[in-house]
C-alpha atoms as a PDB file:
ATOM      1  CA  MET A   1       8.883   7.870  10.413  1.00  0.00           C
ATOM      2  CA  SER A   2       5.887   9.631   8.523  1.00  0.00           C
ATOM      3  CA  ILE A   3       5.143   9.210   4.826  1.00  0.00           C
ATOM      4  CA  THR A   4       3.216  11.702   2.766  1.00  0.00           C
ATOM      5  CA  THR A   5       1.684  11.367  -0.523  1.00  0.00           C
ATOM      6  CA  SER A   6       2.080  14.104  -3.318  1.00  0.00           C
ATOM      7  CA  GLY A   7      -1.374  14.795  -2.569  1.00  0.00           C
ATOM      8  CA  GLY A   8      -1.141  15.835   1.215  1.00  0.00           C
ATOM      9  CA  LEU A   9      -2.282  12.795   2.747  1.00  0.00           C
ATOM     10  CA  THR A  10      -0.215  11.235   5.734  1.00  0.00           C
ATOM     11  CA  VAL A  11      -0.242   7.949   7.492  1.00  0.00           C
ATOM     12  CA  LYS A  12      -0.265   9.843  11.167  1.00  0.00           C
ATOM     13  CA  GLU A  13      -0.375   6.547  13.485  1.00  0.00           C
ATOM     14  CA  LEU A  14      -0.476   3.268  13.016  1.00  0.00           C
ATOM     15  CA  TRP A  15      -1.762   0.377  15.535  1.00  0.00           C
ATOM     16  CA  SER A  16      -2.181  -2.940  14.037  1.00  0.00           C
ATOM     17  CA  VAL A  17      -1.726  -6.632  15.645  1.00  0.00           C
ATOM     18  CA  ALA A  18      -3.691  -9.273  14.267  1.00  0.00           C
ATOM     19  CA  GLY A  19      -6.369 -10.660  16.532  1.00  0.00           C
ATOM     20  CA  PHE A  20      -5.631  -7.614  18.940  1.00  0.00           C
ATOM     21  CA  ALA A  21      -6.759  -4.352  17.351  1.00  0.00           C
ATOM     22  CA  THR A  22      -6.006  -2.456  14.098  1.00  0.00           C
ATOM     23  CA  CYS A  23      -6.571   1.300  13.539  1.00  0.00           C
ATOM     24  CA  ILE A  24      -5.348   3.484  10.992  1.00  0.00           C
ATOM     25  CA  HIS A  25      -5.007   7.295  11.358  1.00  0.00           C
ATOM     26  CA  ILE A  26      -4.810   9.613   8.059  1.00  0.00           C
ATOM     27  CA  SER A  27      -4.477  13.178   8.023  1.00  0.00           C
ATOM     28  CA  GLY A  28      -4.135  15.477   5.179  1.00  0.00           C
ATOM     29  CA  GLU A  29      -3.007  18.967   4.388  1.00  0.00           C
ATOM     30  CA  LYS A  30      -6.302  19.617   2.978  1.00  0.00           C
ATOM     31  CA  LEU A  31      -8.349  17.472   5.075  1.00  0.00           C
ATOM     32  CA  SER A  32     -10.116  19.259   8.118  1.00  0.00           C
ATOM     33  CA  GLU A  33     -11.347  15.941   9.513  1.00  0.00           C
ATOM     34  CA  ASN A  34      -9.036  13.412   9.948  1.00  0.00           C
ATOM     35  CA  ILE A  35      -9.786   9.709   8.942  1.00  0.00           C
ATOM     36  CA  LEU A  36      -9.525   6.430  10.552  1.00  0.00           C
ATOM     37  CA  PHE A  37      -9.460   3.262   8.691  1.00  0.00           C
ATOM     38  CA  ASP A  38     -11.094   0.372  11.182  1.00  0.00           C
ATOM     39  CA  CYS A  39     -11.408   1.399  14.698  1.00  0.00           C
ATOM     40  CA  GLY A  40     -10.197  -1.495  17.199  1.00  0.00           C
ATOM     41  CA  ILE A  41      -8.745   0.758  19.419  1.00  0.00           C
ATOM     42  CA  CYS A  42      -9.224   4.283  20.534  1.00  0.00           C
ATOM     43  CA  ASN A  43      -7.136   6.769  22.447  1.00  0.00           C
ATOM     44  CA  ARG A  44      -6.576  10.644  22.471  1.00  0.00           C
ATOM     45  CA  SER A  45      -5.050  11.301  19.327  1.00  0.00           C
ATOM     46  CA  THR A  46      -8.051   9.383  17.612  1.00  0.00           C
ATOM     47  CA  VAL A  47     -10.946  10.836  19.035  1.00  0.00           C
ATOM     48  CA  PRO A  48     -10.719  13.905  16.974  1.00  0.00           C
ATOM     49  CA  ALA A  49     -10.838  11.994  13.678  1.00  0.00           C
ATOM     50  CA  LYS A  50     -14.353  12.463  11.755  1.00  0.00           C
ATOM     51  CA  HIS A  51     -14.704   9.791   9.409  1.00  0.00           C
ATOM     52  CA  ILE A  52     -13.842   6.428  10.192  1.00  0.00           C
ATOM     53  CA  PHE A  53     -14.495   3.566   7.637  1.00  0.00           C
ATOM     54  CA  ILE A  54     -14.486   0.044   8.401  1.00  0.00           C
ATOM     55  CA  THR A  55     -13.497  -3.182   6.292  1.00  0.00           C
ATOM     56  CA  HIS A  56     -15.068  -5.978   8.329  1.00  0.00           C
ATOM     57  CA  GLY A  57     -16.823  -7.014  11.420  1.00  0.00           C
ATOM     58  CA  HIS A  58     -13.922  -8.555  13.410  1.00  0.00           C
ATOM     59  CA  VAL A  59     -13.642  -7.376  16.883  1.00  0.00           C
ATOM     60  CA  ASP A  60     -10.092  -6.351  16.320  1.00  0.00           C
ATOM     61  CA  HIS A  61     -11.256  -3.894  13.692  1.00  0.00           C
ATOM     62  CA  ILE A  62     -14.335  -2.419  15.599  1.00  0.00           C
ATOM     63  CA  GLY A  63     -13.946  -3.120  19.083  1.00  0.00           C
ATOM     64  CA  ALA A  64     -13.577   0.495  19.967  1.00  0.00           C
ATOM     65  CA  ILE A  65     -16.123   1.889  17.488  1.00  0.00           C
ATOM     66  CA  VAL A  66     -18.666   3.054  20.600  1.00  0.00           C
ATOM     67  CA  ASN A  67     -15.963   3.950  22.554  1.00  0.00           C
ATOM     68  CA  HIS A  68     -14.777   6.464  19.822  1.00  0.00           C
ATOM     69  CA  ALA A  69     -18.468   7.795  19.635  1.00  0.00           C
ATOM     70  CA  ARG A  70     -18.656   8.149  23.301  1.00  0.00           C
ATOM     71  CA  ALA A  71     -15.380  10.130  23.684  1.00  0.00           C
ATOM     72  CA  ARG A  72     -16.020  12.491  20.861  1.00  0.00           C
ATOM     73  CA  ALA A  73     -19.523  13.370  22.596  1.00  0.00           C
ATOM     74  CA  LEU A  74     -17.188  15.197  25.302  1.00  0.00           C
ATOM     75  CA  SER A  75     -15.748  17.863  22.722  1.00  0.00           C
ATOM     76  CA  TYR A  76     -16.741  16.867  19.321  1.00  0.00           C
ATOM     77  CA  SER A  77     -19.963  16.745  17.003  1.00  0.00           C
ATOM     78  CA  PRO A  78     -20.767  12.918  16.281  1.00  0.00           C
ATOM     79  CA  ALA A  79     -18.668  11.316  13.572  1.00  0.00           C
ATOM     80  CA  ASN A  80     -19.589   9.210  10.448  1.00  0.00           C
ATOM     81  CA  TYR A  81     -19.278   5.813  10.463  1.00  0.00           C
ATOM     82  CA  TYR A  82     -19.071   4.029   7.193  1.00  0.00           C
ATOM     83  CA  VAL A  83     -19.452   0.194   7.794  1.00  0.00           C
ATOM     84  CA  PRO A  84     -20.006  -2.960   5.507  1.00  0.00           C
ATOM     85  CA  GLU A  85     -24.106  -3.220   5.037  1.00  0.00           C
ATOM     86  CA  ASN A  86     -23.882  -6.638   6.789  1.00  0.00           C
ATOM     87  CA  CYS A  87     -22.730  -5.123   9.512  1.00  0.00           C
ATOM     88  CA  VAL A  88     -25.075  -2.308  10.239  1.00  0.00           C
ATOM     89  CA  GLU A  89     -27.819  -4.102  12.230  1.00  0.00           C
ATOM     90  CA  SER A  90     -25.026  -5.812  14.336  1.00  0.00           C
ATOM     91  CA  ILE A  91     -23.379  -2.448  15.492  1.00  0.00           C
ATOM     92  CA  ASN A  92     -26.661  -0.631  16.236  1.00  0.00           C
ATOM     93  CA  SER A  93     -27.096  -3.172  18.889  1.00  0.00           C
ATOM     94  CA  ILE A  94     -23.940  -2.810  20.420  1.00  0.00           C
ATOM     95  CA  LYS A  95     -24.405   1.063  20.267  1.00  0.00           C
ATOM     96  CA  GLU A  96     -27.691   0.281  22.003  1.00  0.00           C
ATOM     97  CA  ALA A  97     -26.187  -2.197  24.675  1.00  0.00           C
ATOM     98  CA  TYR A  98     -23.712   0.258  25.356  1.00  0.00           C
ATOM     99  CA  GLN A  99     -26.386   3.495  25.793  1.00  0.00           C
ATOM    100  CA  ALA A 100     -28.424   0.884  28.337  1.00  0.00           C
ATOM    101  CA  LEU A 101     -24.979   0.708  30.367  1.00  0.00           C
ATOM    102  CA  ASP A 102     -24.231   4.163  30.130  1.00  0.00           C
ATOM    103  CA  GLU A 103     -27.972   5.426  30.976  1.00  0.00           C
ATOM    104  CA  HIS A 104     -27.279   8.240  28.202  1.00  0.00           C
ATOM    105  CA  GLU A 105     -27.566   8.372  24.561  1.00  0.00           C
ATOM    106  CA  ILE A 106     -24.436   7.629  22.209  1.00  0.00           C
ATOM    107  CA  LYS A 107     -24.814   9.673  19.189  1.00  0.00           C
ATOM    108  CA  MET A 108     -22.877   8.048  15.891  1.00  0.00           C
ATOM    109  CA  ASN A 109     -23.819   8.408  12.176  1.00  0.00           C
ATOM    110  CA  ILE A 110     -23.823   4.628  11.000  1.00  0.00           C
ATOM    111  CA  ILE A 111     -23.895   4.576   7.182  1.00  0.00           C
ATOM    112  CA  PRO A 112     -24.026   1.471   5.205  1.00  0.00           C
ATOM    113  CA  PHE A 113     -21.329   1.673   2.719  1.00  0.00           C
ATOM    114  CA  GLN A 114     -21.697  -0.995  -0.011  1.00  0.00           C
ATOM    115  CA  ILE A 115     -18.632  -2.189  -1.948  1.00  0.00           C
ATOM    116  CA  GLY A 116     -18.102  -0.145  -4.912  1.00  0.00           C
ATOM    117  CA  GLU A 117     -19.639   2.949  -3.261  1.00  0.00           C
ATOM    118  CA  SER A 118     -17.665   6.257  -2.614  1.00  0.00           C
ATOM    119  CA  VAL A 119     -18.177   9.168  -0.935  1.00  0.00           C
ATOM    120  CA  LYS A 120     -16.411  12.967  -1.344  1.00  0.00           C
ATOM    121  CA  LEU A 121     -14.932  14.133   1.871  1.00  0.00           C
ATOM    122  CA  ASN A 122     -14.196  17.759   0.190  1.00  0.00           C
ATOM    123  CA  ASN A 123     -13.058  19.085  -3.397  1.00  0.00           C
ATOM    124  CA  PHE A 124      -9.835  16.816  -3.224  1.00  0.00           C
ATOM    125  CA  TYR A 125     -10.526  13.582  -1.340  1.00  0.00           C
ATOM    126  CA  GLU A 126     -12.817  10.950  -2.349  1.00  0.00           C
ATOM    127  CA  VAL A 127     -12.801   7.630  -0.405  1.00  0.00           C
ATOM    128  CA  PHE A 128     -13.958   4.236  -2.248  1.00  0.00           C
ATOM    129  CA  SER A 129     -14.235   1.142  -1.092  1.00  0.00           C
ATOM    130  CA  PHE A 130     -13.235  -2.225  -3.119  1.00  0.00           C
ATOM    131  CA  PRO A 131     -14.042  -6.387  -2.735  1.00  0.00           C
ATOM    132  CA  THR A 132     -11.623  -8.224  -0.737  1.00  0.00           C
ATOM    133  CA  VAL A 133     -11.843 -12.069   0.428  1.00  0.00           C
ATOM    134  CA  HIS A 134     -11.677 -12.970   4.012  1.00  0.00           C
ATOM    135  CA  ARG A 135     -12.983 -15.312   6.269  1.00  0.00           C
ATOM    136  CA  VAL A 136     -15.933 -13.177   6.724  1.00  0.00           C
ATOM    137  CA  ARG A 137     -17.414 -10.248   4.530  1.00  0.00           C
ATOM    138  CA  SER A 138     -14.811  -7.856   3.907  1.00  0.00           C
ATOM    139  CA  GLN A 139     -14.108  -4.818   1.775  1.00  0.00           C
ATOM    140  CA  GLY A 140     -10.508  -2.794   1.492  1.00  0.00           C
ATOM    141  CA  TYR A 141     -10.472   1.503   0.683  1.00  0.00           C
ATOM    142  CA  GLY A 142      -8.467   3.891  -1.417  1.00  0.00           C
ATOM    143  CA  ILE A 143      -8.339   7.682  -1.497  1.00  0.00           C
ATOM    144  CA  LYS A 144      -8.511   9.546  -4.524  1.00  0.00           C
ATOM    145  CA  TYR A 145      -6.849  13.157  -4.568  1.00  0.00           C
ATOM    146  CA  ALA A 146      -8.199  15.429  -7.264  1.00  0.00           C
ATOM    147  CA  ARG A 147      -5.957  18.178  -8.555  1.00  0.00           C
ATOM    148  CA  LYS A 148      -6.590  20.965 -11.073  1.00  0.00           C
ATOM    149  CA  VAL A 149      -4.352  20.922 -14.043  1.00  0.00           C
ATOM    150  CA  MET A 150      -4.008  23.862 -16.568  1.00  0.00           C
ATOM    151  CA  ARG A 151      -4.828  22.602 -20.019  1.00  0.00           C
ATOM    152  CA  ARG A 152      -1.872  22.351 -22.433  1.00  0.00           C
ATOM    153  CA  GLU A 153      -3.109  25.224 -24.749  1.00  0.00           C
ATOM    154  CA  PHE A 154      -2.954  27.939 -21.654  1.00  0.00           C
ATOM    155  CA  GLN A 155      -0.023  26.921 -20.090  1.00  0.00           C
ATOM    156  CA  ASN A 156       2.150  29.703 -21.999  1.00  0.00           C
ATOM    157  CA  LEU A 157      -0.299  32.613 -21.542  1.00  0.00           C
ATOM    158  CA  ASP A 158       1.100  35.464 -19.224  1.00  0.00           C
ATOM    159  CA  LYS A 159      -0.780  36.569 -16.046  1.00  0.00           C
ATOM    160  CA  ARG A 160      -2.660  39.191 -17.787  1.00  0.00           C
ATOM    161  CA  GLN A 161      -3.891  36.478 -20.572  1.00  0.00           C
ATOM    162  CA  ILE A 162      -4.922  34.289 -17.797  1.00  0.00           C
ATOM    163  CA  ASN A 163      -6.859  36.737 -15.774  1.00  0.00           C
ATOM    164  CA  LYS A 164      -8.839  38.330 -18.579  1.00  0.00           C
ATOM    165  CA  LEU A 165     -10.063  34.466 -19.498  1.00  0.00           C
ATOM    166  CA  ARG A 166     -10.917  33.894 -15.992  1.00  0.00           C
ATOM    167  CA  GLU A 167     -13.043  37.128 -15.809  1.00  0.00           C
ATOM    168  CA  GLU A 168     -14.938  35.563 -19.064  1.00  0.00           C
ATOM    169  CA  GLY A 169     -15.513  32.521 -17.438  1.00  0.00           C
ATOM    170  CA  VAL A 170     -13.539  30.316 -19.644  1.00  0.00           C
ATOM    171  CA  ASN A 171     -12.640  26.704 -17.744  1.00  0.00           C
ATOM    172  CA  MET A 172      -8.763  26.317 -18.208  1.00  0.00           C
ATOM    173  CA  PHE A 173      -8.369  23.211 -15.960  1.00  0.00           C
ATOM    174  CA  ASP A 174      -8.934  19.846 -15.977  1.00  0.00           C
ATOM    175  CA  VAL A 175      -9.410  17.487 -12.831  1.00  0.00           C
ATOM    176  CA  GLN A 176      -6.751  14.853 -12.730  1.00  0.00           C
ATOM    177  CA  GLU A 177      -7.484  12.214 -10.057  1.00  0.00           C
ATOM    178  CA  THR A 178      -4.835   9.644  -8.627  1.00  0.00           C
ATOM    179  CA  VAL A 179      -4.957   7.198  -6.062  1.00  0.00           C
ATOM    180  CA  ASP A 180      -3.033   8.069  -2.986  1.00  0.00           C
ATOM    181  CA  ILE A 181      -3.778   5.570  -0.835  1.00  0.00           C
ATOM    182  CA  VAL A 182      -5.165   2.003  -0.444  1.00  0.00           C
ATOM    183  CA  TYR A 183      -5.730  -0.111   2.606  1.00  0.00           C
ATOM    184  CA  SER A 184      -6.275  -3.725   1.941  1.00  0.00           C
ATOM    185  CA  GLY A 185      -7.858  -4.479   5.717  1.00  0.00           C
ATOM    186  CA  ASP A 186      -7.803  -8.202   6.060  1.00  0.00           C
ATOM    187  CA  THR A 187      -7.882 -10.374   3.073  1.00  0.00           C
ATOM    188  CA  GLU A 188      -6.496 -13.134   1.025  1.00  0.00           C
ATOM    189  CA  ILE A 189      -4.075 -12.305  -1.506  1.00  0.00           C
ATOM    190  CA  SER A 190      -6.764 -13.497  -4.031  1.00  0.00           C
ATOM    191  CA  GLY A 191      -8.752 -10.447  -3.207  1.00  0.00           C
ATOM    192  CA  LEU A 192      -6.115  -8.073  -4.523  1.00  0.00           C
ATOM    193  CA  LEU A 193      -5.809  -9.833  -7.800  1.00  0.00           C
ATOM    194  CA  SER A 194      -9.341  -9.573  -8.660  1.00  0.00           C
ATOM    195  CA  PRO A 195      -9.945  -7.770 -12.080  1.00  0.00           C
ATOM    196  CA  GLY A 196     -10.487  -4.293 -11.483  1.00  0.00           C
ATOM    197  CA  ASN A 197      -8.269  -4.201  -8.466  1.00  0.00           C
ATOM    198  CA  GLU A 198      -5.268  -2.628 -10.317  1.00  0.00           C
ATOM    199  CA  PHE A 199      -5.330   0.394  -8.535  1.00  0.00           C
ATOM    200  CA  VAL A 200      -4.059  -1.756  -5.247  1.00  0.00           C
ATOM    201  CA  PHE A 201      -0.731  -1.965  -7.382  1.00  0.00           C
ATOM    202  CA  THR A 202      -0.201   1.745  -8.096  1.00  0.00           C
ATOM    203  CA  ALA A 203      -1.402   3.673  -5.420  1.00  0.00           C
ATOM    204  CA  GLU A 204       1.028   5.668  -4.128  1.00  0.00           C
ATOM    205  CA  ILE A 205       1.233   4.080  -0.648  1.00  0.00           C
ATOM    206  CA  LEU A 206      -0.626   0.551  -0.007  1.00  0.00           C
ATOM    207  CA  LEU A 207      -1.152  -0.311   3.541  1.00  0.00           C
ATOM    208  CA  ILE A 208      -1.259  -4.206   3.338  1.00  0.00           C
ATOM    209  CA  GLU A 209      -2.051  -6.898   5.732  1.00  0.00           C
ATOM    210  CA  VAL A 210       0.879  -9.149   6.131  1.00  0.00           C
ATOM    211  CA  THR A 211      -0.487 -11.743   8.837  1.00  0.00           C
ATOM    212  CA  TYR A 212       2.458 -14.476   8.225  1.00  0.00           C
ATOM    213  CA  LEU A 213       6.034 -13.580   7.583  1.00  0.00           C
ATOM    214  CA  ASP A 214       7.170 -17.155   7.655  1.00  0.00           C
ATOM    215  CA  GLY A 215       6.125 -20.944   8.175  1.00  0.00           C
ATOM    216  CA  ASP A 216       3.249 -22.950   6.213  1.00  0.00           C
ATOM    217  CA  ILE A 217       1.556 -20.624   3.687  1.00  0.00           C
ATOM    218  CA  SER A 218      -1.462 -22.764   4.025  1.00  0.00           C
ATOM    219  CA  LYS A 219      -2.410 -21.181   7.398  1.00  0.00           C
ATOM    220  CA  ALA A 220      -2.678 -17.731   6.017  1.00  0.00           C
ATOM    221  CA  HIS A 221      -5.234 -19.264   3.366  1.00  0.00           C
ATOM    222  CA  GLN A 222      -6.884 -20.972   6.203  1.00  0.00           C
ATOM    223  CA  TYR A 223      -7.452 -17.976   8.002  1.00  0.00           C
ATOM    224  CA  GLY A 224      -8.069 -15.554   4.998  1.00  0.00           C
ATOM    225  CA  HIS A 225      -4.626 -13.897   5.328  1.00  0.00           C
ATOM    226  CA  ILE A 226      -1.689 -12.949   3.208  1.00  0.00           C
ATOM    227  CA  HIS A 227       1.718 -14.542   3.884  1.00  0.00           C
ATOM    228  CA  LEU A 228       5.163 -12.518   2.959  1.00  0.00           C
ATOM    229  CA  GLN A 229       6.031 -15.109   0.331  1.00  0.00           C
ATOM    230  CA  GLU A 230       2.874 -14.404  -1.817  1.00  0.00           C
ATOM    231  CA  LEU A 231       4.077 -10.542  -2.276  1.00  0.00           C
ATOM    232  CA  VAL A 232       7.555 -11.749  -2.864  1.00  0.00           C
ATOM    233  CA  SER A 233       6.252 -14.267  -5.604  1.00  0.00           C
ATOM    234  CA  ILE A 234       4.240 -11.107  -7.272  1.00  0.00           C
ATOM    235  CA  TYR A 235       7.023  -8.326  -6.755  1.00  0.00           C
ATOM    236  CA  GLU A 236       7.132  -7.162 -10.257  1.00  0.00           C
ATOM    237  CA  ARG A 237       3.502  -5.894 -10.034  1.00  0.00           C
ATOM    238  CA  PHE A 238       4.059  -3.387  -7.398  1.00  0.00           C
ATOM    239  CA  ARG A 239       4.647   0.209  -8.646  1.00  0.00           C
ATOM    240  CA  ASN A 240       3.789   1.877  -5.285  1.00  0.00           C
ATOM    241  CA  ARG A 241       6.099   4.225  -4.211  1.00  0.00           C
ATOM    242  CA  GLN A 242       5.793   2.667  -0.505  1.00  0.00           C
ATOM    243  CA  ILE A 243       4.158  -0.233   0.855  1.00  0.00           C
ATOM    244  CA  ILE A 244       3.519  -0.367   4.470  1.00  0.00           C
ATOM    245  CA  PHE A 245       3.081  -4.117   6.182  1.00  0.00           C
ATOM    246  CA  VAL A 246       0.208  -4.179   9.142  1.00  0.00           C
ATOM    247  CA  HIS A 247      -1.245  -6.623  10.782  1.00  0.00           C
ATOM    248  CA  LEU A 248       1.468  -8.867  11.673  1.00  0.00           C
ATOM    249  CA  SER A 249       0.522 -11.976  13.914  1.00  0.00           C
ATOM    250  CA  ALA A 250       1.545 -11.029  17.556  1.00  0.00           C
ATOM    251  CA  ARG A 251       4.326 -14.040  17.503  1.00  0.00           C
ATOM    252  CA  TYR A 252       6.476 -11.858  15.645  1.00  0.00           C
ATOM    253  CA  GLY A 253       6.742  -9.737  19.001  1.00  0.00           C
ATOM    254  CA  PRO A 254       8.588  -7.918  20.340  1.00  0.00           C
ATOM    255  CA  HIS A 255       9.254  -5.812  17.523  1.00  0.00           C
ATOM    256  CA  SER A 256      12.862  -6.839  17.346  1.00  0.00           C
ATOM    257  CA  ARG A 257      11.830 -10.281  16.330  1.00  0.00           C
ATOM    258  CA  ALA A 258       9.699  -9.159  13.374  1.00  0.00           C
ATOM    259  CA  LEU A 259      12.490  -7.095  12.057  1.00  0.00           C
ATOM    260  CA  THR A 260      14.366 -10.219  12.290  1.00  0.00           C
ATOM    261  CA  VAL A 261      12.213 -12.283  10.281  1.00  0.00           C
ATOM    262  CA  LEU A 262      11.320  -9.730   7.518  1.00  0.00           C
ATOM    263  CA  HIS A 263      15.197  -9.209   7.089  1.00  0.00           C
ATOM    264  CA  GLN A 264      15.693 -13.141   6.545  1.00  0.00           C
ATOM    265  CA  HIS A 265      12.514 -13.403   4.421  1.00  0.00           C
ATOM    266  CA  LEU A 266      12.326 -10.022   2.284  1.00  0.00           C
ATOM    267  CA  PRO A 267      14.256  -9.802  -1.126  1.00  0.00           C
ATOM    268  CA  GLU A 268      17.024  -6.727  -0.588  1.00  0.00           C
ATOM    269  CA  ALA A 269      15.629  -4.770  -3.346  1.00  0.00           C
ATOM    270  CA  MET A 270      11.996  -5.006  -1.785  1.00  0.00           C
ATOM    271  CA  ARG A 271      13.101  -3.025   1.518  1.00  0.00           C
ATOM    272  CA  SER A 272      13.947  -0.321  -0.729  1.00  0.00           C
ATOM    273  CA  TYR A 273      10.421   0.689  -0.662  1.00  0.00           C
ATOM    274  CA  CYS A 274       8.452  -1.298   1.980  1.00  0.00           C
ATOM    275  CA  SER A 275       8.127  -0.564   5.713  1.00  0.00           C
ATOM    276  CA  VAL A 276       6.250  -1.962   8.348  1.00  0.00           C
ATOM    277  CA  ALA A 277       3.611  -0.937  11.422  1.00  0.00           C
ATOM    278  CA  LEU A 278       5.436  -2.194  14.753  1.00  0.00           C
ATOM    279  CA  PHE A 279       4.464   0.440  17.342  1.00  0.00           C
ATOM    280  CA  SER A 280       1.894  -2.471  18.692  1.00  0.00           C
ATOM    281  CA  LEU A 281       4.781  -4.558  19.016  1.00  0.00           C
ATOM    282  CA  GLY A 282       6.948  -2.111  20.945  1.00  0.00           C
ATOM    283  CA  SER A 283       8.556  -0.022  18.665  1.00  0.00           C
ATOM    284  CA  ASP A 284       9.106   3.660  19.141  1.00  0.00           C
ATOM    285  CA  GLU A 285       7.535   4.970  15.642  1.00  0.00           C
ATOM    286  CA  HIS A 286       4.668   4.113  14.123  1.00  0.00           C
ATOM    287  CA  VAL A 287       5.990   3.207  10.754  1.00  0.00           C
ATOM    288  CA  THR A 288       9.736   1.557  10.472  1.00  0.00           C
ATOM    289  CA  SER A 289      11.549   1.618   7.402  1.00  0.00           C
ATOM    290  CA  LEU A 290      13.001  -1.504   6.225  1.00  0.00           C
ATOM    291  CA  GLU A 291      15.663   0.491   3.849  1.00  0.00           C
ATOM    292  CA  ARG A 292      16.827   2.649   6.832  1.00  0.00           C
ATOM    293  CA  LEU A 293      17.167  -0.607   9.026  1.00  0.00           C
ATOM    294  CA  ALA A 294      19.120  -2.364   6.236  1.00  0.00           C
ATOM    295  CA  GLU A 295      21.541   0.175   5.768  1.00  0.00           C
ATOM    296  CA  SER A 296      22.172   0.340   9.574  1.00  0.00           C
ATOM    297  CA  ILE A 297      22.407  -3.329   9.915  1.00  0.00           C
ATOM    298  CA  GLN A 298      25.597  -2.903   7.579  1.00  0.00           C
ATOM    299  CA  THR A 299      27.517  -0.517  10.160  1.00  0.00           C
ATOM    300  CA  SER A 300      26.372  -2.575  13.394  1.00  0.00           C
ATOM    301  CA  ARG A 301      28.263  -4.568  15.524  1.00  0.00           C
ATOM    302  CA  VAL A 302      28.186  -8.649  15.088  1.00  0.00           C
ATOM    303  CA  GLY A 303      25.653 -10.119  17.054  1.00  0.00           C
ATOM    304  CA  TRP A 304      23.304  -7.516  16.787  1.00  0.00           C
ATOM    305  CA  GLY A 305      20.329 -10.121  16.515  1.00  0.00           C
ATOM    306  CA  TRP A 306      19.753 -10.243  12.412  1.00  0.00           C
ATOM    307  CA  GLY A 307      19.430 -13.483  10.508  1.00  0.00           C
ATOM    308  CA  ARG A 308      21.403 -14.172   7.446  1.00  0.00           C
ATOM    309  CA  GLY A 309      18.895 -15.340   5.206  1.00  0.00           C
ATOM    310  CA  GLY A 310      18.538 -12.215   3.093  1.00  0.00           C
ATOM    311  CA  ARG A 311      22.113 -13.110   1.767  1.00  0.00           C
ATOM    312  CA  GLY A 312      23.343 -14.548  -1.320  1.00  0.00           C
ATOM    313  CA  ARG A 313      19.655 -14.037  -2.438  1.00  0.00           C
ATOM    314  CA  ARG A 314      19.267 -13.366  -6.446  1.00  0.00           C
ATOM    315  CA  PRO A 315      18.376  -9.562  -6.530  1.00  0.00           C
ATOM    316  CA  TYR A 316      14.953  -8.174  -7.494  1.00  0.00           C
ATOM    317  CA  LYS A 317      14.449  -5.590 -10.174  1.00  0.00           C
ATOM    318  CA  ARG A 318      12.711  -2.548  -8.379  1.00  0.00           C
ATOM    319  CA  ALA A 319       9.126  -2.231 -10.256  1.00  0.00           C
ATOM    320  CA  TYR A 320       8.597   1.255  -9.298  1.00  0.00           C
ATOM    321  CA  PRO A 321      10.045   3.687 -11.825  1.00  0.00           C
ATOM    322  CA  GLY A 322      12.493   6.179  -9.402  1.00  0.00           C
END
């Protein structure tokens, strides 16, 4: 399953297991060079990505950054690695160590990227960062999509009139911006609830870490992560078309166990707009739709392996209109 925004951005591939590796691959119809959010792994499909945005300095999120640069050198120009300011010196040191081992220069454009800063990738897409709350300094990312919209006073003109105005240099369009994708990185729920972060809950696709699906919520707080119950408790805030859970703890592997726990603890109405990244836990797809799986459960045979925790719950009202 793949998910594409109205702005033409697609969540192409998604590897994510807490403590092991996270790397999210984004492509776009109007994006000639792809994006990675974090770089905990490197393989042949991620190497062509030109723009890599790092959320924080934990190894499972940056462990393959130099590997990626070295692999690109075989066929591509150096990529741009946007990293939090506090990580720049350490990443340069890692790069120098690898160069010493390789006895060859590894070219990387390491770019300090402050919280609140943004970069335009082309006329359509702009990536911005926002503050989050983790065990170490961290930041999330969003992608804005800019589209031209004809002003109302010109919308009823015929082609001849429009061409005449165009020849006269009249600007008939306004630029409309939407936030197509938000990626939380590692964060406590409080980091997303901060004033000014309302776009997190209105982005078309929200990639949000949910390290803990069950158990004691205090463990999530201890390590600076999100517990599923925290999302359920604020379900009415979500206006996203699709939410994708990432960064699940490895204890929920294999993927069938993760699905069982989600079925037990996620309200039925939330499943209609939620998916989960399970490829790194053994699934054969990068993004698994919980709604589609819920529908298949209703017709599956007894003993398929799902729990009953979701039955009998009070239904939740869908927050997203449509």
